[in-house]
Protein backbone atom coordinates (compact mmCIF):
# COMPACT_ATOMS: atom_id res chain seq x y z
CA MET A 1 0.00 0.06 -0.16
CA ASP A 2 1.12 3.26 -0.89
CA TYR A 3 1.11 5.65 2.39
CA ARG A 4 2.61 8.70 0.79
CA TYR A 5 -0.93 10.50 0.13
CA LEU A 6 -1.49 9.76 3.96
CA HIS A 7 0.52 13.00 4.67
CA LEU A 8 -2.42 14.98 3.56
CA PHE A 9 -4.65 13.59 6.14
CA CYS A 10 -3.03 14.13 9.07
CA PRO A 11 -3.50 18.13 9.71
CA ILE A 12 -7.41 17.63 8.66
CA ILE A 13 -7.40 14.52 11.44
CA ALA A 14 -5.63 16.73 13.95
CA LEU A 15 -8.11 19.69 13.21
CA GLY A 16 -11.00 17.18 13.94
CA ILE A 17 -9.48 16.16 17.46
CA ASN A 18 -8.77 19.38 18.26
CA VAL A 19 -12.76 20.46 17.48
CA ILE A 20 -13.91 16.95 19.18
CA VAL A 21 -11.76 17.69 22.64
CA GLN A 22 -12.58 21.69 22.50
CA ILE A 23 -16.29 20.66 22.76
CA VAL A 24 -15.98 18.14 25.17
CA ILE A 25 -14.17 19.73 27.51
CA PHE A 26 -16.24 23.02 27.02
CA LYS A 27 -19.45 20.67 27.56
CA LEU A 28 -17.76 19.07 30.54
CA ASP A 29 -17.04 22.68 32.02
CA LYS A 30 -20.51 23.97 31.55
CA GLY A 31 -19.64 26.48 28.99
CA ARG A 32 -17.81 28.45 31.82
CA LYS A 33 -14.18 28.49 29.94
CA LEU A 34 -14.15 28.75 26.68
CA LEU A 35 -10.45 29.85 26.35
CA ARG A 36 -9.34 26.76 28.10
CA SER A 37 -11.08 24.34 26.14
CA VAL A 38 -9.92 26.00 22.81
CA PHE A 39 -6.56 25.88 24.03
CA THR A 40 -6.44 22.36 25.15
CA GLY A 41 -8.13 21.15 21.87
CA PHE A 42 -5.27 22.97 20.30
CA ALA A 43 -2.72 21.50 21.79
CA THR A 44 -4.38 18.11 21.91
CA GLY A 45 -4.88 18.32 18.30
CA ALA A 46 -0.88 19.39 17.89
CA LEU A 47 0.04 16.13 19.66
CA SER A 48 -2.25 14.24 17.47
CA ALA A 49 -0.48 15.61 14.40
CA GLY A 50 2.97 14.44 15.61
CA ALA A 51 1.46 10.85 16.72
CA ILE A 52 -0.25 10.33 13.60
CA GLU A 53 2.60 11.44 11.27
CA SER A 54 4.66 9.23 13.35
CA LEU A 55 2.27 6.05 12.55
CA ILE A 56 2.33 7.02 9.06
CA VAL A 57 6.28 7.11 8.88
CA LEU A 58 6.26 3.66 10.77
CA ALA A 59 3.35 2.21 8.52
CA ALA A 60 5.25 3.10 5.42
CA GLY A 61 8.66 2.07 6.34
CA ALA A 62 9.73 5.45 5.21
CA PRO A 63 13.35 6.46 6.59
CA VAL A 64 13.04 8.72 9.38
CA LYS A 65 15.08 11.30 8.24
CA ASN A 66 11.69 12.13 6.64
CA PHE A 67 9.91 12.49 9.31
CA ILE A 68 10.78 16.07 10.51
CA PRO A 69 10.27 17.85 7.27
CA ALA A 70 7.15 15.87 7.30
CA LEU A 71 6.20 16.82 10.88
CA VAL A 72 7.12 20.04 10.37
CA VAL A 73 4.61 20.50 7.05
CA ASP A 74 1.98 18.98 9.11
CA ILE A 75 2.39 21.16 12.48
CA THR A 76 2.48 24.19 10.15
CA THR A 77 -0.57 23.09 8.14
CA TYR A 78 -2.49 22.18 11.35
CA SER A 79 -1.27 25.26 13.22
CA ALA A 80 -3.05 27.34 9.90
CA MET A 81 -6.19 25.65 10.46
CA GLY A 82 -6.53 25.75 14.05
CA TYR A 83 -6.01 29.66 13.93
CA CYS A 84 -8.84 29.53 11.55
CA TYR A 85 -10.66 27.49 14.17
CA PHE A 86 -9.78 29.85 16.93
CA HIS A 87 -10.84 32.96 14.71
CA PHE A 88 -14.15 30.98 13.76
CA ILE A 89 -15.36 30.66 17.39
CA ASN A 90 -14.11 34.09 18.38
CA LEU A 91 -16.09 35.75 15.62
CA GLY A 92 -19.27 34.63 17.15
CA GLU A 93 -17.96 35.16 21.14
CA THR A 94 -16.46 38.80 20.60
CA ALA A 95 -17.44 40.56 17.38
CA ARG A 96 -19.89 43.37 17.94
CA ARG A 97 -21.31 42.59 14.32
CA ILE A 98 -22.31 39.03 15.28
CA ARG A 99 -23.67 40.50 18.59
CA LEU A 100 -25.47 43.11 17.00
CA LEU A 101 -27.19 40.98 14.44
CA ARG A 102 -28.05 38.25 16.83
CA GLU A 103 -29.82 40.94 19.23
CA LEU A 104 -31.41 42.33 16.37
CA ASN A 105 -32.79 38.91 15.10
CA ASP A 106 -33.93 38.22 18.98
CA ALA A 107 -35.80 41.53 19.39
CA PRO A 108 -38.81 41.13 16.64
CA GLU A 109 -40.10 44.53 17.19
CA GLY A 110 -36.68 46.08 16.76
CA LEU A 111 -34.71 48.13 18.25
CA THR A 112 -34.05 51.96 18.39
CA GLU A 113 -30.75 53.68 17.94
CA GLY A 114 -30.93 54.79 21.74
CA GLU A 115 -31.30 50.91 22.70
CA ILE A 116 -28.87 50.03 20.97
CA LEU A 117 -26.39 52.41 22.37
CA SER A 118 -27.27 51.77 25.86
CA ARG A 119 -26.07 48.14 24.95
CA TYR A 120 -23.01 49.27 23.90
CA ASN A 121 -21.58 51.16 26.48
CA ALA A 122 -17.79 51.82 26.11
CA LYS A 123 -17.64 51.93 29.79
CA GLU A 124 -19.69 48.38 30.33
CA ILE A 125 -17.77 46.91 27.37
CA ILE A 126 -14.37 47.99 29.27
CA ASP A 127 -15.68 46.71 32.63
CA VAL A 128 -16.56 43.15 31.03
CA ARG A 129 -13.30 42.77 29.30
CA LEU A 130 -11.13 43.59 32.38
CA THR A 131 -13.51 41.55 34.57
CA ARG A 132 -12.95 38.62 32.16
CA LEU A 133 -9.00 39.18 32.32
CA LEU A 134 -8.89 39.36 36.31
CA ASN A 135 -11.34 36.14 36.27
CA ASN A 136 -8.99 34.62 33.95
CA LYS A 137 -5.94 35.53 35.80
CA GLN A 138 -4.40 37.05 32.90
CA ILE A 139 -4.04 40.61 34.74
CA ILE A 140 -4.20 41.55 38.15
CA LEU A 141 -5.20 44.85 40.22
CA ARG A 142 -2.55 46.47 42.22
CA ASP A 143 -2.89 49.88 43.75
CA ALA A 144 -5.82 50.88 41.20
CA ARG A 145 -3.38 50.03 38.19
CA TYR A 146 -3.65 46.61 36.33
CA TYR A 147 -0.61 44.36 35.07
CA VAL A 148 -0.11 41.58 33.13
CA ALA A 149 -0.43 38.58 35.20
CA ASN A 150 0.07 35.75 32.88
CA PRO A 151 2.18 36.47 29.88
CA ALA A 152 0.69 33.48 27.81
CA MET A 153 -2.37 35.64 26.55
CA LEU A 154 0.35 38.47 25.60
CA PHE A 155 2.90 35.64 23.98
CA ILE A 156 -0.33 34.32 21.53
CA SER A 157 -1.36 37.99 20.55
CA ARG A 158 2.06 38.92 19.47
CA ALA A 159 2.40 35.47 17.46
CA LEU A 160 -1.05 36.60 16.15
CA ALA A 161 0.44 39.46 15.29
CA PHE A 162 3.17 37.80 14.33
CA MET A 163 1.35 35.78 11.71
CA LYS A 164 -1.16 38.18 10.50
CA LEU A 165 2.16 40.34 9.58
CA ILE A 166 3.64 37.25 7.50
CA ILE A 167 0.18 36.58 5.89
CA LEU A 168 -1.38 39.59 5.21
CA GLY A 169 1.65 41.72 5.46
CA LYS A 170 0.51 44.47 7.99
CA ARG A 171 0.63 45.09 11.19
CA ILE A 172 -2.32 45.33 13.88
């Protein structure tokens, strides 16, 4: 059997594992920690990509020297697909346009501009985001000032900015 083309399916299978793990963890956590479930799903998918690639190399009897380049391609492809999945989830959770469309859909009589503006008060939006960051221990409040507590999200935001620079050629 020719195993050379199985490499094409490795990132797709890993993404499927990512999605399944993310959904299961999110459901078990009763929807409280979306970000944690997304990261756990992504990490599990990445590990799965490595394991799947190892199995393909072993099954094909391919030289071990082919493993590293194939793994790099698989992980890179999987990461790009995982990036898209993350933003697909994030779009529905945080994009104001999506939220506004859902709220308008949920209001059969429509909403006035005043009602919309009252729901999108800038202070409330910032307060909600700060509370979320504090609850997730990503920032801390000390002496009425906010500080980065967990640099993981900062690292991720820098990685996303770098990917955007490489892919789109622009800084954010």
